[in-house]
Amino acid sequence: MDDIIKAVFFLIRDAPFMTGAVIRLDGGYALGGETVPPIPRGVL
């Protein structure tokens, strides 16, 4: 519930011209993001 309140206050106070954005309140977890793609060869 705190995340929702903080997001609403952010929109009211700090983002008066923000339009067309999606604010994700998922605690940092992206659906389907549990797998990490392999690093391409030669990067490390």
PDB file of N, CA and C in Angstrom:
ATOM      1  N   MET A   1       0.814  -1.188   0.000  1.00  0.00           N
ATOM      2  CA  MET A   1       0.000   0.000   0.000  1.00  0.00           C
ATOM      3  C   MET A   1       0.862   1.258   0.000  1.00  0.00           C
ATOM      4  N   ASP A   2       2.008   1.208   0.688  1.00  0.00           N
ATOM      5  CA  ASP A   2       2.898   2.369   0.730  1.00  0.00           C
ATOM      6  C   ASP A   2       3.404   2.739  -0.661  1.00  0.00           C
ATOM      7  N   ASP A   3       3.656   1.728  -1.497  1.00  0.00           N
ATOM      8  CA  ASP A   3       4.141   2.001  -2.851  1.00  0.00           C
ATOM      9  C   ASP A   3       3.121   2.795  -3.659  1.00  0.00           C
ATOM     10  N   ILE A   4       1.864   2.466  -3.492  1.00  0.00           N
ATOM     11  CA  ILE A   4       0.808   3.173  -4.224  1.00  0.00           C
ATOM     12  C   ILE A   4       0.712   4.624  -3.758  1.00  0.00           C
ATOM     13  N   ILE A   5       0.780   4.833  -2.461  1.00  0.00           N
ATOM     14  CA  ILE A   5       0.717   6.186  -1.913  1.00  0.00           C
ATOM     15  C   ILE A   5       1.899   7.015  -2.392  1.00  0.00           C
ATOM     16  N   LYS A   6       3.092   6.430  -2.376  1.00  0.00           N
ATOM     17  CA  LYS A   6       4.278   7.148  -2.845  1.00  0.00           C
ATOM     18  C   LYS A   6       4.179   7.489  -4.327  1.00  0.00           C
ATOM     19  N   ALA A   7       3.636   6.583  -5.122  1.00  0.00           N
ATOM     20  CA  ALA A   7       3.490   6.844  -6.557  1.00  0.00           C
ATOM     21  C   ALA A   7       2.491   7.966  -6.805  1.00  0.00           C
ATOM     22  N   VAL A   8       1.399   7.979  -6.080  1.00  0.00           N
ATOM     23  CA  VAL A   8       0.403   9.040  -6.242  1.00  0.00           C
ATOM     24  C   VAL A   8       0.981  10.384  -5.835  1.00  0.00           C
ATOM     25  N   PHE A   9       1.692  10.437  -4.716  1.00  0.00           N
ATOM     26  CA  PHE A   9       2.324  11.687  -4.300  1.00  0.00           C
ATOM     27  C   PHE A   9       3.362  12.153  -5.312  1.00  0.00           C
ATOM     28  N   PHE A  10       4.099  11.223  -5.890  1.00  0.00           N
ATOM     29  CA  PHE A  10       5.065  11.587  -6.923  1.00  0.00           C
ATOM     30  C   PHE A  10       4.358  12.239  -8.109  1.00  0.00           C
ATOM     31  N   LEU A  11       3.271  11.640  -8.547  1.00  0.00           N
ATOM     32  CA  LEU A  11       2.534  12.191  -9.687  1.00  0.00           C
ATOM     33  C   LEU A  11       1.948  13.564  -9.374  1.00  0.00           C
ATOM     34  N   ILE A  12       1.466  13.751  -8.173  1.00  0.00           N
ATOM     35  CA  ILE A  12       0.855  15.025  -7.795  1.00  0.00           C
ATOM     36  C   ILE A  12       1.908  16.121  -7.652  1.00  0.00           C
ATOM     37  N   ARG A  13       3.014  15.834  -6.973  1.00  0.00           N
ATOM     38  CA  ARG A  13       3.992  16.864  -6.642  1.00  0.00           C
ATOM     39  C   ARG A  13       5.078  17.051  -7.685  1.00  0.00           C
ATOM     40  N   ASP A  14       5.639  15.960  -8.208  1.00  0.00           N
ATOM     41  CA  ASP A  14       6.872  16.051  -8.983  1.00  0.00           C
ATOM     42  C   ASP A  14       6.723  15.811 -10.474  1.00  0.00           C
ATOM     43  N   ALA A  15       5.565  15.422 -10.934  1.00  0.00           N
ATOM     44  CA  ALA A  15       5.430  15.070 -12.352  1.00  0.00           C
ATOM     45  C   ALA A  15       4.168  15.670 -12.974  1.00  0.00           C
ATOM     46  N   PRO A  16       4.005  16.992 -12.913  1.00  0.00           N
ATOM     47  CA  PRO A  16       2.766  17.566 -13.432  1.00  0.00           C
ATOM     48  C   PRO A  16       2.619  17.440 -14.951  1.00  0.00           C
ATOM     49  N   PHE A  17       3.738  17.277 -15.679  1.00  0.00           N
ATOM     50  CA  PHE A  17       3.660  17.208 -17.131  1.00  0.00           C
ATOM     51  C   PHE A  17       3.922  15.809 -17.667  1.00  0.00           C
ATOM     52  N   MET A  18       3.940  14.828 -16.803  1.00  0.00           N
ATOM     53  CA  MET A  18       4.206  13.456 -17.220  1.00  0.00           C
ATOM     54  C   MET A  18       2.943  12.859 -17.828  1.00  0.00           C
ATOM     55  N   THR A  19       3.030  12.419 -19.084  1.00  0.00           N
ATOM     56  CA  THR A  19       1.875  11.825 -19.746  1.00  0.00           C
ATOM     57  C   THR A  19       2.304  10.558 -20.486  1.00  0.00           C
ATOM     58  N   GLY A  20       1.395   9.648 -20.652  1.00  0.00           N
ATOM     59  CA  GLY A  20       1.634   8.455 -21.446  1.00  0.00           C
ATOM     60  C   GLY A  20       2.650   7.502 -20.865  1.00  0.00           C
ATOM     61  N   ALA A  21       2.827   7.511 -19.565  1.00  0.00           N
ATOM     62  CA  ALA A  21       3.805   6.624 -18.940  1.00  0.00           C
ATOM     63  C   ALA A  21       3.100   5.529 -18.148  1.00  0.00           C
ATOM     64  N   VAL A  22       3.746   4.397 -18.056  1.00  0.00           N
ATOM     65  CA  VAL A  22       3.242   3.300 -17.236  1.00  0.00           C
ATOM     66  C   VAL A  22       4.119   3.233 -15.999  1.00  0.00           C
ATOM     67  N   ILE A  23       3.513   3.347 -14.852  1.00  0.00           N
ATOM     68  CA  ILE A  23       4.250   3.260 -13.594  1.00  0.00           C
ATOM     69  C   ILE A  23       4.022   1.869 -13.035  1.00  0.00           C
ATOM     70  N   ARG A  24       5.103   1.112 -12.975  1.00  0.00           N
ATOM     71  CA  ARG A  24       4.998  -0.273 -12.492  1.00  0.00           C
ATOM     72  C   ARG A  24       5.220  -0.307 -10.993  1.00  0.00           C
ATOM     73  N   LEU A  25       4.294  -0.882 -10.292  1.00  0.00           N
ATOM     74  CA  LEU A  25       4.399  -1.044  -8.843  1.00  0.00           C
ATOM     75  C   LEU A  25       4.448  -2.529  -8.531  1.00  0.00           C
ATOM     76  N   ASP A  26       5.542  -3.154  -8.958  1.00  0.00           N
ATOM     77  CA  ASP A  26       5.653  -4.603  -8.813  1.00  0.00           C
ATOM     78  C   ASP A  26       6.785  -5.016  -7.878  1.00  0.00           C
ATOM     79  N   GLY A  27       7.326  -4.071  -7.141  1.00  0.00           N
ATOM     80  CA  GLY A  27       8.402  -4.399  -6.212  1.00  0.00           C
ATOM     81  C   GLY A  27       9.704  -4.779  -6.896  1.00  0.00           C
ATOM     82  N   GLY A  28       9.847  -4.425  -8.156  1.00  0.00           N
ATOM     83  CA  GLY A  28      11.070  -4.728  -8.885  1.00  0.00           C
ATOM     84  C   GLY A  28      11.040  -6.053  -9.620  1.00  0.00           C
ATOM     85  N   TYR A  29       9.936  -6.762  -9.551  1.00  0.00           N
ATOM     86  CA  TYR A  29       9.833  -8.053 -10.225  1.00  0.00           C
ATOM     87  C   TYR A  29       9.085  -7.884 -11.535  1.00  0.00           C
ATOM     88  N   ALA A  30       9.735  -8.194 -12.617  1.00  0.00           N
ATOM     89  CA  ALA A  30       9.094  -8.129 -13.931  1.00  0.00           C
ATOM     90  C   ALA A  30       8.618  -9.525 -14.313  1.00  0.00           C
ATOM     91  N   LEU A  31       7.374  -9.622 -14.727  1.00  0.00           N
ATOM     92  CA  LEU A  31       6.813 -10.908 -15.100  1.00  0.00           C
ATOM     93  C   LEU A  31       7.636 -11.521 -16.230  1.00  0.00           C
ATOM     94  N   GLY A  32       8.075 -12.725 -16.060  1.00  0.00           N
ATOM     95  CA  GLY A  32       8.884 -13.392 -17.069  1.00  0.00           C
ATOM     96  C   GLY A  32      10.346 -13.004 -17.002  1.00  0.00           C
ATOM     97  N   GLY A  33      10.710 -12.185 -16.021  1.00  0.00           N
ATOM     98  CA  GLY A  33      12.087 -11.729 -15.911  1.00  0.00           C
ATOM     99  C   GLY A  33      12.950 -12.602 -15.017  1.00  0.00           C
ATOM    100  N   GLU A  34      12.457 -13.792 -14.703  1.00  0.00           N
ATOM    101  CA  GLU A  34      13.228 -14.649 -13.797  1.00  0.00           C
ATOM    102  C   GLU A  34      14.407 -15.329 -14.479  1.00  0.00           C
ATOM    103  N   THR A  35      14.454 -15.301 -15.797  1.00  0.00           N
ATOM    104  CA  THR A  35      15.599 -15.888 -16.500  1.00  0.00           C
ATOM    105  C   THR A  35      16.453 -14.764 -17.054  1.00  0.00           C
ATOM    106  N   VAL A  36      17.756 -14.955 -16.981  1.00  0.00           N
ATOM    107  CA  VAL A  36      18.698 -13.969 -17.482  1.00  0.00           C
ATOM    108  C   VAL A  36      19.317 -14.519 -18.760  1.00  0.00           C
ATOM    109  N   PRO A  37      19.262 -13.756 -19.860  1.00  0.00           N
ATOM    110  CA  PRO A  37      19.852 -14.264 -21.105  1.00  0.00           C
ATOM    111  C   PRO A  37      21.368 -14.378 -20.957  1.00  0.00           C
ATOM    112  N   PRO A  38      21.985 -15.316 -21.661  1.00  0.00           N
ATOM    113  CA  PRO A  38      23.435 -15.471 -21.566  1.00  0.00           C
ATOM    114  C   PRO A  38      24.159 -14.268 -22.155  1.00  0.00           C
ATOM    115  N   ILE A  39      25.348 -13.996 -21.621  1.00  0.00           N
ATOM    116  CA  ILE A  39      26.184 -12.909 -22.121  1.00  0.00           C
ATOM    117  C   ILE A  39      26.820 -13.370 -23.431  1.00  0.00           C
ATOM    118  N   PRO A  40      26.766 -12.545 -24.478  1.00  0.00           N
ATOM    119  CA  PRO A  40      27.368 -12.957 -25.759  1.00  0.00           C
ATOM    120  C   PRO A  40      28.874 -13.193 -25.618  1.00  0.00           C
ATOM    121  N   ARG A  41      29.380 -14.102 -26.430  1.00  0.00           N
ATOM    122  CA  ARG A  41      30.817 -14.424 -26.379  1.00  0.00           C
ATOM    123  C   ARG A  41      31.633 -13.183 -26.733  1.00  0.00           C
ATOM    124  N   GLY A  42      32.725 -12.993 -26.030  1.00  0.00           N
ATOM    125  CA  GLY A  42      33.616 -11.885 -26.307  1.00  0.00           C
ATOM    126  C   GLY A  42      33.314 -10.630 -25.505  1.00  0.00           C
ATOM    127  N   VAL A  43      32.220 -10.635 -24.745  1.00  0.00           N
ATOM    128  CA  VAL A  43      31.876  -9.445 -23.950  1.00  0.00           C
ATOM    129  C   VAL A  43      32.753  -9.354 -22.718  1.00  0.00           C
ATOM    130  N   LEU A  44      32.994 -10.493 -22.071  1.00  0.00           N
ATOM    131  CA  LEU A  44      33.836 -10.497 -20.871  1.00  0.00           C
ATOM    132  C   LEU A  44      35.214 -11.026 -21.177  1.00  0.00           C
TER     133      LEU A  44
END
